[in-house]
C-alpha atoms as a PDB file:
ATOM      1  CA  UNK A   1     -13.364 -13.225 -50.782  1.00  0.00           C
ATOM      2  CA  UNK A   2     -14.242 -12.791 -54.405  1.00  0.00           C
ATOM      3  CA  UNK A   3     -17.662 -14.256 -55.548  1.00  0.00           C
ATOM      4  CA  UNK A   4     -16.225 -16.748 -57.667  1.00  0.00           C
ATOM      5  CA  UNK A   5     -13.880 -18.194 -54.573  1.00  0.00           C
ATOM      6  CA  UNK A   6     -16.920 -18.409 -52.505  1.00  0.00           C
ATOM      7  CA  UNK A   7     -18.951 -20.299 -55.213  1.00  0.00           C
ATOM      8  CA  UNK A   8     -15.908 -22.401 -55.569  1.00  0.00           C
ATOM      9  CA  UNK A   9     -15.338 -23.316 -52.026  1.00  0.00           C
ATOM     10  CA  UNK A  10     -19.237 -23.682 -51.837  1.00  0.00           C
ATOM     11  CA  UNK A  11     -19.482 -26.383 -54.419  1.00  0.00           C
ATOM     12  CA  UNK A  12     -16.320 -28.228 -52.812  1.00  0.00           C
ATOM     13  CA  UNK A  13     -18.141 -28.545 -49.426  1.00  0.00           C
ATOM     14  CA  UNK A  14     -21.460 -29.737 -51.071  1.00  0.00           C
ATOM     15  CA  UNK A  15     -19.272 -32.363 -53.082  1.00  0.00           C
ATOM     16  CA  UNK A  16     -17.691 -33.382 -49.801  1.00  0.00           C
ATOM     17  CA  UNK A  17     -21.202 -33.464 -47.959  1.00  0.00           C
ATOM     18  CA  UNK A  18     -22.568 -35.734 -50.807  1.00  0.00           C
ATOM     19  CA  UNK A  19     -19.772 -38.000 -50.633  1.00  0.00           C
ATOM     20  CA  UNK A  20     -20.084 -38.632 -46.906  1.00  0.00           C
ATOM     21  CA  UNK A  21     -23.503 -38.684 -47.174  1.00  0.00           C
ATOM     22  CA  UNK A  22     -23.274 -42.365 -48.815  1.00  0.00           C
ATOM     23  CA  UNK A  23     -20.611 -43.601 -45.892  1.00  0.00           C
ATOM     24  CA  UNK A  24     -23.109 -45.485 -44.143  1.00  0.00           C
ATOM     25  CA  UNK A  25     -24.364 -47.133 -47.275  1.00  0.00           C
ATOM     26  CA  UNK A  26     -21.103 -48.617 -48.205  1.00  0.00           C
ATOM     27  CA  UNK A  27     -20.736 -49.658 -44.315  1.00  0.00           C
ATOM     28  CA  UNK A  28     -23.918 -51.744 -44.599  1.00  0.00           C
ATOM     29  CA  UNK A  29     -22.934 -53.258 -47.857  1.00  0.00           C
ATOM     30  CA  UNK A  30     -20.012 -54.484 -46.406  1.00  0.00           C
ATOM     31  CA  UNK A  31     -21.611 -56.416 -43.795  1.00  0.00           C
ATOM     32  CA  UNK A  32     -18.987 -55.933 -41.380  1.00  0.00           C
ATOM     33  CA  UNK A  33     -19.133 -55.248 -37.495  1.00  0.00           C
ATOM     34  CA  UNK A  34     -18.776 -51.548 -36.173  1.00  0.00           C
ATOM     35  CA  UNK A  35     -14.813 -51.879 -35.166  1.00  0.00           C
ATOM     36  CA  UNK A  36     -13.919 -53.851 -38.382  1.00  0.00           C
ATOM     37  CA  UNK A  37     -15.595 -51.356 -41.010  1.00  0.00           C
ATOM     38  CA  UNK A  38     -14.263 -48.293 -38.889  1.00  0.00           C
ATOM     39  CA  UNK A  39     -10.751 -49.783 -38.359  1.00  0.00           C
ATOM     40  CA  UNK A  40     -10.660 -50.412 -42.307  1.00  0.00           C
ATOM     41  CA  UNK A  41     -12.319 -47.214 -43.252  1.00  0.00           C
ATOM     42  CA  UNK A  42      -9.257 -45.236 -41.491  1.00  0.00           C
ATOM     43  CA  UNK A  43      -6.393 -47.988 -42.631  1.00  0.00           C
ATOM     44  CA  UNK A  44      -7.396 -47.780 -46.075  1.00  0.00           C
ATOM     45  CA  UNK A  45      -7.407 -44.244 -46.624  1.00  0.00           C
ATOM     46  CA  UNK A  46      -4.049 -43.562 -44.816  1.00  0.00           C
ATOM     47  CA  UNK A  47      -1.989 -44.563 -48.002  1.00  0.00           C
ATOM     48  CA  UNK A  48      -4.191 -42.407 -50.386  1.00  0.00           C
ATOM     49  CA  UNK A  49      -3.737 -39.508 -47.858  1.00  0.00           C
ATOM     50  CA  UNK A  50       0.207 -40.082 -47.877  1.00  0.00           C
ATOM     51  CA  UNK A  51       0.252 -40.067 -51.627  1.00  0.00           C
ATOM     52  CA  UNK A  52      -2.093 -36.694 -51.835  1.00  0.00           C
ATOM     53  CA  UNK A  53       0.224 -34.940 -49.371  1.00  0.00           C
ATOM     54  CA  UNK A  54       3.193 -36.110 -51.238  1.00  0.00           C
ATOM     55  CA  UNK A  55       2.300 -35.007 -54.851  1.00  0.00           C
ATOM     56  CA  UNK A  56       0.644 -31.895 -53.546  1.00  0.00           C
ATOM     57  CA  UNK A  57       3.798 -30.751 -52.116  1.00  0.00           C
ATOM     58  CA  UNK A  58       1.880 -28.035 -50.278  1.00  0.00           C
ATOM     59  CA  UNK A  59       3.482 -26.589 -46.947  1.00  0.00           C
ATOM     60  CA  UNK A  60       2.720 -27.702 -43.454  1.00  0.00           C
ATOM     61  CA  UNK A  61       3.222 -24.704 -41.173  1.00  0.00           C
ATOM     62  CA  UNK A  62       1.659 -26.255 -38.169  1.00  0.00           C
ATOM     63  CA  UNK A  63       3.454 -26.428 -34.712  1.00  0.00           C
ATOM     64  CA  UNK A  64       3.966 -30.179 -33.458  1.00  0.00           C
ATOM     65  CA  UNK A  65       1.510 -29.209 -30.861  1.00  0.00           C
ATOM     66  CA  UNK A  66      -1.499 -28.625 -33.459  1.00  0.00           C
ATOM     67  CA  UNK A  67      -0.342 -31.645 -35.079  1.00  0.00           C
ATOM     68  CA  UNK A  68      -0.755 -33.486 -31.800  1.00  0.00           C
ATOM     69  CA  UNK A  69      -4.231 -31.754 -30.992  1.00  0.00           C
ATOM     70  CA  UNK A  70      -5.320 -33.117 -34.468  1.00  0.00           C
ATOM     71  CA  UNK A  71      -4.141 -36.642 -33.828  1.00  0.00           C
ATOM     72  CA  UNK A  72      -5.822 -36.565 -30.560  1.00  0.00           C
ATOM     73  CA  UNK A  73      -9.161 -35.567 -32.200  1.00  0.00           C
ATOM     74  CA  UNK A  74      -8.705 -38.640 -34.236  1.00  0.00           C
ATOM     75  CA  UNK A  75      -8.469 -40.710 -31.193  1.00  0.00           C
ATOM     76  CA  UNK A  76     -11.604 -39.208 -29.864  1.00  0.00           C
ATOM     77  CA  UNK A  77     -13.513 -39.783 -33.000  1.00  0.00           C
ATOM     78  CA  UNK A  78     -12.376 -43.716 -32.837  1.00  0.00           C
ATOM     79  CA  UNK A  79     -15.188 -43.899 -29.976  1.00  0.00           C
ATOM     80  CA  UNK A  80     -17.708 -41.794 -32.760  1.00  0.00           C
ATOM     81  CA  UNK A  81     -17.444 -44.271 -35.306  1.00  0.00           C
ATOM     82  CA  UNK A  82     -17.745 -47.421 -32.722  1.00  0.00           C
ATOM     83  CA  UNK A  83     -21.045 -45.939 -31.783  1.00  0.00           C
ATOM     84  CA  UNK A  84     -22.484 -44.682 -35.014  1.00  0.00           C
ATOM     85  CA  UNK A  85     -21.990 -48.023 -36.548  1.00  0.00           C
ATOM     86  CA  UNK A  86     -23.307 -50.185 -33.997  1.00  0.00           C
ATOM     87  CA  UNK A  87     -26.495 -47.483 -34.383  1.00  0.00           C
ATOM     88  CA  UNK A  88     -26.598 -47.924 -37.837  1.00  0.00           C
ATOM     89  CA  UNK A  89     -26.613 -51.967 -37.262  1.00  0.00           C
ATOM     90  CA  UNK A  90     -29.324 -51.401 -34.618  1.00  0.00           C
ATOM     91  CA  UNK A  91     -31.459 -48.841 -36.150  1.00  0.00           C
ATOM     92  CA  UNK A  92     -30.745 -48.068 -39.695  1.00  0.00           C
ATOM     93  CA  UNK A  93     -28.313 -45.471 -41.751  1.00  0.00           C
ATOM     94  CA  UNK A  94     -31.043 -42.555 -41.817  1.00  0.00           C
ATOM     95  CA  UNK A  95     -31.915 -42.238 -37.987  1.00  0.00           C
ATOM     96  CA  UNK A  96     -28.498 -43.014 -36.564  1.00  0.00           C
ATOM     97  CA  UNK A  97     -27.175 -40.578 -38.885  1.00  0.00           C
ATOM     98  CA  UNK A  98     -29.607 -37.932 -37.858  1.00  0.00           C
ATOM     99  CA  UNK A  99     -29.097 -38.569 -34.323  1.00  0.00           C
ATOM    100  CA  UNK A 100     -25.280 -38.251 -34.849  1.00  0.00           C
ATOM    101  CA  UNK A 101     -26.084 -34.843 -36.227  1.00  0.00           C
ATOM    102  CA  UNK A 102     -27.877 -33.804 -33.058  1.00  0.00           C
ATOM    103  CA  UNK A 103     -24.071 -32.798 -32.049  1.00  0.00           C
ATOM    104  CA  UNK A 104     -25.215 -29.307 -33.236  1.00  0.00           C
ATOM    105  CA  UNK A 105     -26.905 -29.066 -30.028  1.00  0.00           C
ATOM    106  CA  UNK A 106     -24.138 -30.371 -27.683  1.00  0.00           C
ATOM    107  CA  UNK A 107     -21.068 -28.296 -29.571  1.00  0.00           C
ATOM    108  CA  UNK A 108     -23.182 -25.269 -28.784  1.00  0.00           C
ATOM    109  CA  UNK A 109     -23.901 -26.259 -25.142  1.00  0.00           C
ATOM    110  CA  UNK A 110     -20.165 -26.900 -24.936  1.00  0.00           C
ATOM    111  CA  UNK A 111     -19.101 -23.844 -26.408  1.00  0.00           C
ATOM    112  CA  UNK A 112     -21.428 -21.926 -23.968  1.00  0.00           C
ATOM    113  CA  UNK A 113     -20.051 -23.657 -20.949  1.00  0.00           C
ATOM    114  CA  UNK A 114     -16.335 -23.793 -21.811  1.00  0.00           C
ATOM    115  CA  UNK A 115     -15.625 -21.013 -24.473  1.00  0.00           C
ATOM    116  CA  UNK A 116     -17.979 -18.648 -23.230  1.00  0.00           C
ATOM    117  CA  UNK A 117     -19.959 -18.395 -26.420  1.00  0.00           C
ATOM    118  CA  UNK A 118     -23.290 -17.543 -25.442  1.00  0.00           C
ATOM    119  CA  UNK A 119     -26.310 -18.950 -27.637  1.00  0.00           C
ATOM    120  CA  UNK A 120     -29.528 -17.594 -28.197  1.00  0.00           C
ATOM    121  CA  UNK A 121     -32.685 -18.870 -27.078  1.00  0.00           C
ATOM    122  CA  UNK A 122     -33.080 -21.243 -30.228  1.00  0.00           C
ATOM    123  CA  UNK A 123     -30.974 -23.360 -28.437  1.00  0.00           C
ATOM    124  CA  UNK A 124     -33.434 -23.481 -25.090  1.00  0.00           C
ATOM    125  CA  UNK A 125     -36.341 -24.184 -27.102  1.00  0.00           C
ATOM    126  CA  UNK A 126     -34.312 -26.907 -29.153  1.00  0.00           C
ATOM    127  CA  UNK A 127     -32.881 -29.224 -26.601  1.00  0.00           C
ATOM    128  CA  UNK A 128     -36.184 -30.624 -25.354  1.00  0.00           C
ATOM    129  CA  UNK A 129     -37.534 -30.791 -28.851  1.00  0.00           C
ATOM    130  CA  UNK A 130     -34.503 -32.931 -29.808  1.00  0.00           C
ATOM    131  CA  UNK A 131     -35.270 -35.193 -26.324  1.00  0.00           C
ATOM    132  CA  UNK A 132     -38.742 -35.960 -27.408  1.00  0.00           C
ATOM    133  CA  UNK A 133     -37.572 -36.880 -31.050  1.00  0.00           C
ATOM    134  CA  UNK A 134     -34.879 -39.316 -29.480  1.00  0.00           C
ATOM    135  CA  UNK A 135     -37.891 -40.833 -27.572  1.00  0.00           C
ATOM    136  CA  UNK A 136     -39.934 -41.276 -30.667  1.00  0.00           C
ATOM    137  CA  UNK A 137     -37.028 -42.553 -32.304  1.00  0.00           C
ATOM    138  CA  UNK A 138     -36.368 -45.491 -29.581  1.00  0.00           C
ATOM    139  CA  UNK A 139     -39.932 -47.046 -30.028  1.00  0.00           C
ATOM    140  CA  UNK A 140     -40.602 -47.104 -26.416  1.00  0.00           C
ATOM    141  CA  UNK A 141     -44.454 -45.864 -27.389  1.00  0.00           C
ATOM    142  CA  UNK A 142     -44.415 -47.771 -30.693  1.00  0.00           C
ATOM    143  CA  UNK A 143     -45.849 -51.032 -31.718  1.00  0.00           C
ATOM    144  CA  UNK A 144     -43.648 -51.821 -34.682  1.00  0.00           C
ATOM    145  CA  UNK A 145     -40.708 -49.552 -34.745  1.00  0.00           C
ATOM    146  CA  UNK A 146     -38.199 -49.971 -37.642  1.00  0.00           C
ATOM    147  CA  UNK A 147     -34.762 -51.370 -36.523  1.00  0.00           C
ATOM    148  CA  UNK A 148     -33.276 -54.407 -34.879  1.00  0.00           C
ATOM    149  CA  UNK A 149     -33.405 -52.582 -31.451  1.00  0.00           C
ATOM    150  CA  UNK A 150     -34.214 -49.123 -31.727  1.00  0.00           C
ATOM    151  CA  UNK A 151     -33.777 -48.340 -27.974  1.00  0.00           C
ATOM    152  CA  UNK A 152     -30.082 -49.198 -28.071  1.00  0.00           C
ATOM    153  CA  UNK A 153     -29.695 -47.375 -31.300  1.00  0.00           C
ATOM    154  CA  UNK A 154     -30.714 -44.174 -29.754  1.00  0.00           C
ATOM    155  CA  UNK A 155     -28.406 -45.135 -26.920  1.00  0.00           C
ATOM    156  CA  UNK A 156     -25.354 -45.597 -29.428  1.00  0.00           C
ATOM    157  CA  UNK A 157     -26.369 -42.705 -31.514  1.00  0.00           C
ATOM    158  CA  UNK A 158     -26.144 -40.529 -28.390  1.00  0.00           C
ATOM    159  CA  UNK A 159     -22.867 -41.711 -27.355  1.00  0.00           C
ATOM    160  CA  UNK A 160     -21.499 -41.204 -30.934  1.00  0.00           C
ATOM    161  CA  UNK A 161     -22.923 -37.692 -31.155  1.00  0.00           C
ATOM    162  CA  UNK A 162     -21.318 -36.717 -27.642  1.00  0.00           C
ATOM    163  CA  UNK A 163     -17.788 -37.890 -29.011  1.00  0.00           C
ATOM    164  CA  UNK A 164     -18.424 -36.281 -32.715  1.00  0.00           C
ATOM    165  CA  UNK A 165     -18.915 -33.095 -30.956  1.00  0.00           C
ATOM    166  CA  UNK A 166     -15.711 -33.541 -28.804  1.00  0.00           C
ATOM    167  CA  UNK A 167     -13.780 -33.932 -31.903  1.00  0.00           C
ATOM    168  CA  UNK A 168     -15.238 -31.265 -33.963  1.00  0.00           C
ATOM    169  CA  UNK A 169     -14.413 -29.013 -31.154  1.00  0.00           C
ATOM    170  CA  UNK A 170     -10.657 -30.395 -30.856  1.00  0.00           C
ATOM    171  CA  UNK A 171     -10.169 -30.563 -34.759  1.00  0.00           C
ATOM    172  CA  UNK A 172     -11.469 -26.925 -35.167  1.00  0.00           C
ATOM    173  CA  UNK A 173      -8.809 -25.548 -32.508  1.00  0.00           C
ATOM    174  CA  UNK A 174      -6.303 -27.595 -33.984  1.00  0.00           C
ATOM    175  CA  UNK A 175      -6.434 -25.853 -37.245  1.00  0.00           C
ATOM    176  CA  UNK A 176      -5.626 -22.289 -36.395  1.00  0.00           C
ATOM    177  CA  UNK A 177      -2.754 -22.085 -38.845  1.00  0.00           C
ATOM    178  CA  UNK A 178      -5.121 -23.029 -41.595  1.00  0.00           C
ATOM    179  CA  UNK A 179      -3.255 -26.270 -42.763  1.00  0.00           C
ATOM    180  CA  UNK A 180      -3.408 -28.125 -45.856  1.00  0.00           C
ATOM    181  CA  UNK A 181      -6.775 -30.110 -45.540  1.00  0.00           C
ATOM    182  CA  UNK A 182      -4.921 -33.534 -46.694  1.00  0.00           C
ATOM    183  CA  UNK A 183      -2.258 -32.836 -43.836  1.00  0.00           C
ATOM    184  CA  UNK A 184      -5.121 -32.490 -41.333  1.00  0.00           C
ATOM    185  CA  UNK A 185      -6.894 -35.302 -42.491  1.00  0.00           C
ATOM    186  CA  UNK A 186      -4.053 -37.792 -42.405  1.00  0.00           C
ATOM    187  CA  UNK A 187      -3.320 -36.883 -38.630  1.00  0.00           C
ATOM    188  CA  UNK A 188      -6.734 -37.476 -37.510  1.00  0.00           C
ATOM    189  CA  UNK A 189      -7.233 -40.364 -39.867  1.00  0.00           C
ATOM    190  CA  UNK A 190      -3.921 -41.851 -38.205  1.00  0.00           C
ATOM    191  CA  UNK A 191      -5.273 -41.047 -34.776  1.00  0.00           C
ATOM    192  CA  UNK A 192      -8.529 -42.758 -35.491  1.00  0.00           C
ATOM    193  CA  UNK A 193      -6.897 -46.169 -36.648  1.00  0.00           C
ATOM    194  CA  UNK A 194      -4.827 -46.226 -33.872  1.00  0.00           C
ATOM    195  CA  UNK A 195      -7.733 -45.668 -31.352  1.00  0.00           C
ATOM    196  CA  UNK A 196      -9.885 -48.094 -33.320  1.00  0.00           C
ATOM    197  CA  UNK A 197      -6.917 -50.809 -33.359  1.00  0.00           C
ATOM    198  CA  UNK A 198      -6.962 -50.683 -29.516  1.00  0.00           C
ATOM    199  CA  UNK A 199     -10.794 -50.660 -29.299  1.00  0.00           C
ATOM    200  CA  UNK A 200     -10.780 -53.650 -31.430  1.00  0.00           C
ATOM    201  CA  UNK A 201      -8.178 -55.539 -29.576  1.00  0.00           C
ATOM    202  CA  UNK A 202      -9.676 -55.023 -26.018  1.00  0.00           C
ATOM    203  CA  UNK A 203     -11.980 -57.704 -24.660  1.00  0.00           C
ATOM    204  CA  UNK A 204     -15.561 -55.582 -25.009  1.00  0.00           C
ATOM    205  CA  UNK A 205     -18.111 -58.551 -26.221  1.00  0.00           C
ATOM    206  CA  UNK A 206     -19.954 -57.587 -22.838  1.00  0.00           C
ATOM    207  CA  UNK A 207     -20.527 -54.274 -23.950  1.00  0.00           C
ATOM    208  CA  UNK A 208     -21.796 -55.411 -27.086  1.00  0.00           C
ATOM    209  CA  UNK A 209     -18.434 -54.502 -29.068  1.00  0.00           C
ATOM    210  CA  UNK A 210     -17.074 -57.264 -31.243  1.00  0.00           C
ATOM    211  CA  UNK A 211     -13.237 -57.342 -32.163  1.00  0.00           C
ATOM    212  CA  UNK A 212     -11.643 -56.751 -35.366  1.00  0.00           C
ATOM    213  CA  UNK A 213     -12.057 -59.175 -38.065  1.00  0.00           C
ATOM    214  CA  UNK A 214      -8.231 -58.623 -39.701  1.00  0.00           C
ATOM    215  CA  UNK A 215      -9.054 -61.109 -42.469  1.00  0.00           C
ATOM    216  CA  UNK A 216      -9.897 -59.271 -45.722  1.00  0.00           C
ATOM    217  CA  UNK A 217     -12.914 -60.922 -47.501  1.00  0.00           C
ATOM    218  CA  UNK A 218     -14.693 -59.870 -50.857  1.00  0.00           C
ATOM    219  CA  UNK A 219     -16.939 -58.078 -51.542  1.00  0.00           C
ATOM    220  CA  UNK A 220     -16.904 -56.714 -48.246  1.00  0.00           C
ATOM    221  CA  UNK A 221     -13.605 -55.136 -48.129  1.00  0.00           C
ATOM    222  CA  UNK A 222     -14.232 -53.638 -51.384  1.00  0.00           C
ATOM    223  CA  UNK A 223     -17.139 -52.082 -50.055  1.00  0.00           C
ATOM    224  CA  UNK A 224     -14.553 -50.683 -47.362  1.00  0.00           C
ATOM    225  CA  UNK A 225     -12.182 -49.462 -49.672  1.00  0.00           C
ATOM    226  CA  UNK A 226     -14.647 -47.303 -51.357  1.00  0.00           C
ATOM    227  CA  UNK A 227     -15.719 -46.290 -48.196  1.00  0.00           C
ATOM    228  CA  UNK A 228     -11.988 -45.094 -47.190  1.00  0.00           C
ATOM    229  CA  UNK A 229     -11.504 -43.476 -50.981  1.00  0.00           C
ATOM    230  CA  UNK A 230     -14.696 -41.766 -51.528  1.00  0.00           C
ATOM    231  CA  UNK A 231     -15.857 -40.555 -48.191  1.00  0.00           C
ATOM    232  CA  UNK A 232     -12.880 -40.474 -45.697  1.00  0.00           C
ATOM    233  CA  UNK A 233     -10.149 -39.421 -48.310  1.00  0.00           C
ATOM    234  CA  UNK A 234     -12.185 -37.254 -50.879  1.00  0.00           C
ATOM    235  CA  UNK A 235     -15.225 -36.239 -49.118  1.00  0.00           C
ATOM    236  CA  UNK A 236     -13.784 -35.423 -45.686  1.00  0.00           C
ATOM    237  CA  UNK A 237     -10.589 -33.595 -47.215  1.00  0.00           C
ATOM    238  CA  UNK A 238     -13.163 -31.347 -49.326  1.00  0.00           C
ATOM    239  CA  UNK A 239     -15.092 -30.754 -45.972  1.00  0.00           C
ATOM    240  CA  UNK A 240     -11.744 -29.674 -44.022  1.00  0.00           C
ATOM    241  CA  UNK A 241     -10.779 -27.511 -46.794  1.00  0.00           C
ATOM    242  CA  UNK A 242     -14.104 -25.360 -47.600  1.00  0.00           C
ATOM    243  CA  UNK A 243     -16.027 -25.175 -44.403  1.00  0.00           C
ATOM    244  CA  UNK A 244     -13.302 -22.946 -42.917  1.00  0.00           C
ATOM    245  CA  UNK A 245     -13.246 -20.447 -45.898  1.00  0.00           C
ATOM    246  CA  UNK A 246     -17.285 -20.228 -46.108  1.00  0.00           C
ATOM    247  CA  UNK A 247     -19.469 -17.831 -44.376  1.00  0.00           C
ATOM    248  CA  UNK A 248     -21.444 -19.315 -41.576  1.00  0.00           C
ATOM    249  CA  UNK A 249     -24.938 -19.470 -43.169  1.00  0.00           C
ATOM    250  CA  UNK A 250     -23.466 -21.405 -46.191  1.00  0.00           C
ATOM    251  CA  UNK A 251     -21.643 -23.410 -43.839  1.00  0.00           C
ATOM    252  CA  UNK A 252     -24.860 -24.410 -42.043  1.00  0.00           C
ATOM    253  CA  UNK A 253     -26.305 -25.644 -45.481  1.00  0.00           C
ATOM    254  CA  UNK A 254     -23.283 -27.638 -46.830  1.00  0.00           C
ATOM    255  CA  UNK A 255     -23.030 -29.470 -43.277  1.00  0.00           C
ATOM    256  CA  UNK A 256     -27.046 -30.126 -43.302  1.00  0.00           C
ATOM    257  CA  UNK A 257     -26.986 -31.475 -46.421  1.00  0.00           C
ATOM    258  CA  UNK A 258     -25.045 -34.845 -45.752  1.00  0.00           C
ATOM    259  CA  UNK A 259     -27.737 -36.308 -43.043  1.00  0.00           C
ATOM    260  CA  UNK A 260     -30.542 -35.291 -45.284  1.00  0.00           C
ATOM    261  CA  UNK A 261     -29.036 -37.409 -48.184  1.00  0.00           C
ATOM    262  CA  UNK A 262     -28.252 -40.227 -46.235  1.00  0.00           C
ATOM    263  CA  UNK A 263     -31.667 -40.457 -45.263  1.00  0.00           C
ATOM    264  CA  UNK A 264     -33.000 -40.148 -48.829  1.00  0.00           C
ATOM    265  CA  UNK A 265     -30.466 -43.010 -50.042  1.00  0.00           C
ATOM    266  CA  UNK A 266     -31.804 -45.321 -46.924  1.00  0.00           C
ATOM    267  CA  UNK A 267     -35.066 -45.021 -48.187  1.00  0.00           C
ATOM    268  CA  UNK A 268     -34.509 -45.541 -51.941  1.00  0.00           C
ATOM    269  CA  UNK A 269     -31.469 -47.945 -51.869  1.00  0.00           C
ATOM    270  CA  UNK A 270     -31.854 -49.853 -48.540  1.00  0.00           C
ATOM    271  CA  UNK A 271     -35.828 -49.825 -48.113  1.00  0.00           C
ATOM    272  CA  UNK A 272     -35.614 -48.641 -44.528  1.00  0.00           C
ATOM    273  CA  UNK A 273     -39.185 -47.651 -43.464  1.00  0.00           C
ATOM    274  CA  UNK A 274     -39.107 -46.316 -40.161  1.00  0.00           C
ATOM    275  CA  UNK A 275     -42.255 -45.965 -38.272  1.00  0.00           C
ATOM    276  CA  UNK A 276     -44.796 -42.841 -38.181  1.00  0.00           C
ATOM    277  CA  UNK A 277     -43.275 -42.142 -34.833  1.00  0.00           C
ATOM    278  CA  UNK A 278     -39.778 -42.438 -35.637  1.00  0.00           C
ATOM    279  CA  UNK A 279     -40.338 -40.305 -38.719  1.00  0.00           C
ATOM    280  CA  UNK A 280     -42.121 -37.743 -36.353  1.00  0.00           C
ATOM    281  CA  UNK A 281     -38.953 -38.031 -34.218  1.00  0.00           C
ATOM    282  CA  UNK A 282     -36.394 -37.470 -37.309  1.00  0.00           C
ATOM    283  CA  UNK A 283     -38.316 -34.447 -38.587  1.00  0.00           C
ATOM    284  CA  UNK A 284     -38.199 -32.976 -34.663  1.00  0.00           C
ATOM    285  CA  UNK A 285     -34.579 -33.595 -34.545  1.00  0.00           C
ATOM    286  CA  UNK A 286     -33.826 -32.119 -38.058  1.00  0.00           C
ATOM    287  CA  UNK A 287     -36.078 -29.224 -37.636  1.00  0.00           C
ATOM    288  CA  UNK A 288     -34.090 -28.687 -34.213  1.00  0.00           C
ATOM    289  CA  UNK A 289     -30.730 -28.966 -36.140  1.00  0.00           C
ATOM    290  CA  UNK A 290     -31.638 -26.500 -38.700  1.00  0.00           C
ATOM    291  CA  UNK A 291     -32.842 -23.998 -36.170  1.00  0.00           C
ATOM    292  CA  UNK A 292     -30.007 -24.026 -33.984  1.00  0.00           C
ATOM    293  CA  UNK A 293     -27.513 -24.322 -37.202  1.00  0.00           C
ATOM    294  CA  UNK A 294     -28.894 -21.276 -38.947  1.00  0.00           C
ATOM    295  CA  UNK A 295     -30.407 -19.189 -35.970  1.00  0.00           C
ATOM    296  CA  UNK A 296     -28.458 -20.241 -32.997  1.00  0.00           C
ATOM    297  CA  UNK A 297     -25.324 -18.654 -33.771  1.00  0.00           C
ATOM    298  CA  UNK A 298     -23.344 -17.405 -30.691  1.00  0.00           C
ATOM    299  CA  UNK A 299     -21.787 -14.109 -29.234  1.00  0.00           C
ATOM    300  CA  UNK A 300     -18.685 -14.534 -27.524  1.00  0.00           C
ATOM    301  CA  UNK A 301     -19.320 -13.377 -24.148  1.00  0.00           C
ATOM    302  CA  UNK A 302     -18.236 -14.804 -20.553  1.00  0.00           C
ATOM    303  CA  UNK A 303     -21.056 -17.001 -19.040  1.00  0.00           C
ATOM    304  CA  UNK A 304     -22.275 -16.213 -15.527  1.00  0.00           C
END
């Protein structure tokens, strides 16, 4: 790959990560419940993705099996979004996003166990540090933790990270043919919309999941439309296109930009004020994610 091509892909990846970093803010501004915000994020994105596919006229050579796998990945991420949006409500945008990005640890562990990709020692040292960070964020030792219910926020965030990890593994595996990014994103978004529709129609109030509110209200849905266009369509399509075309080190940097920016937006725009212990927990998780992302590259070998 030429230097110019590499630079172009890096700029596209950074552009996508920057757009996605605003997603939790748009959700907060929409003042909707988790199922409603997530469902309309996907639903509003689908027609825009369809138009991009129509006018781009790019050839999609994926098999039916690959397309179904991408759709199934979307079904999985519907659970991630329920957990992620719930965590945002309980503990704020910055902390929820940082917990969600601990999926780097989970992906590495799953790849080791299932795919035989043995990680180096960084994952062994990072895992207890991440656990300590989650405990600090939960506020159980804190007199005045930030958030409506930090403990539930951590549980919801970990739930989201688990399903986000599963999504990423299946999403990556389903795109072995390197399909056009907009086609891949359409299939995953459709799967997520259908998954969220089922979740939003199920009687899950006892689990704290409110049903979807199908009555559009404004300005709430104006924020959801912005969320769909800028984050789900433009941001995720840019990420889907660029990351497979970048070297590992640059991919790591592009991915880490999103949670860092979200924390900054939360502090500056939403006046989120994590306590000292919670801030320490954020730094512990961020440091662990950086260490695993940069130094935790795996070597394909059979696990024992």
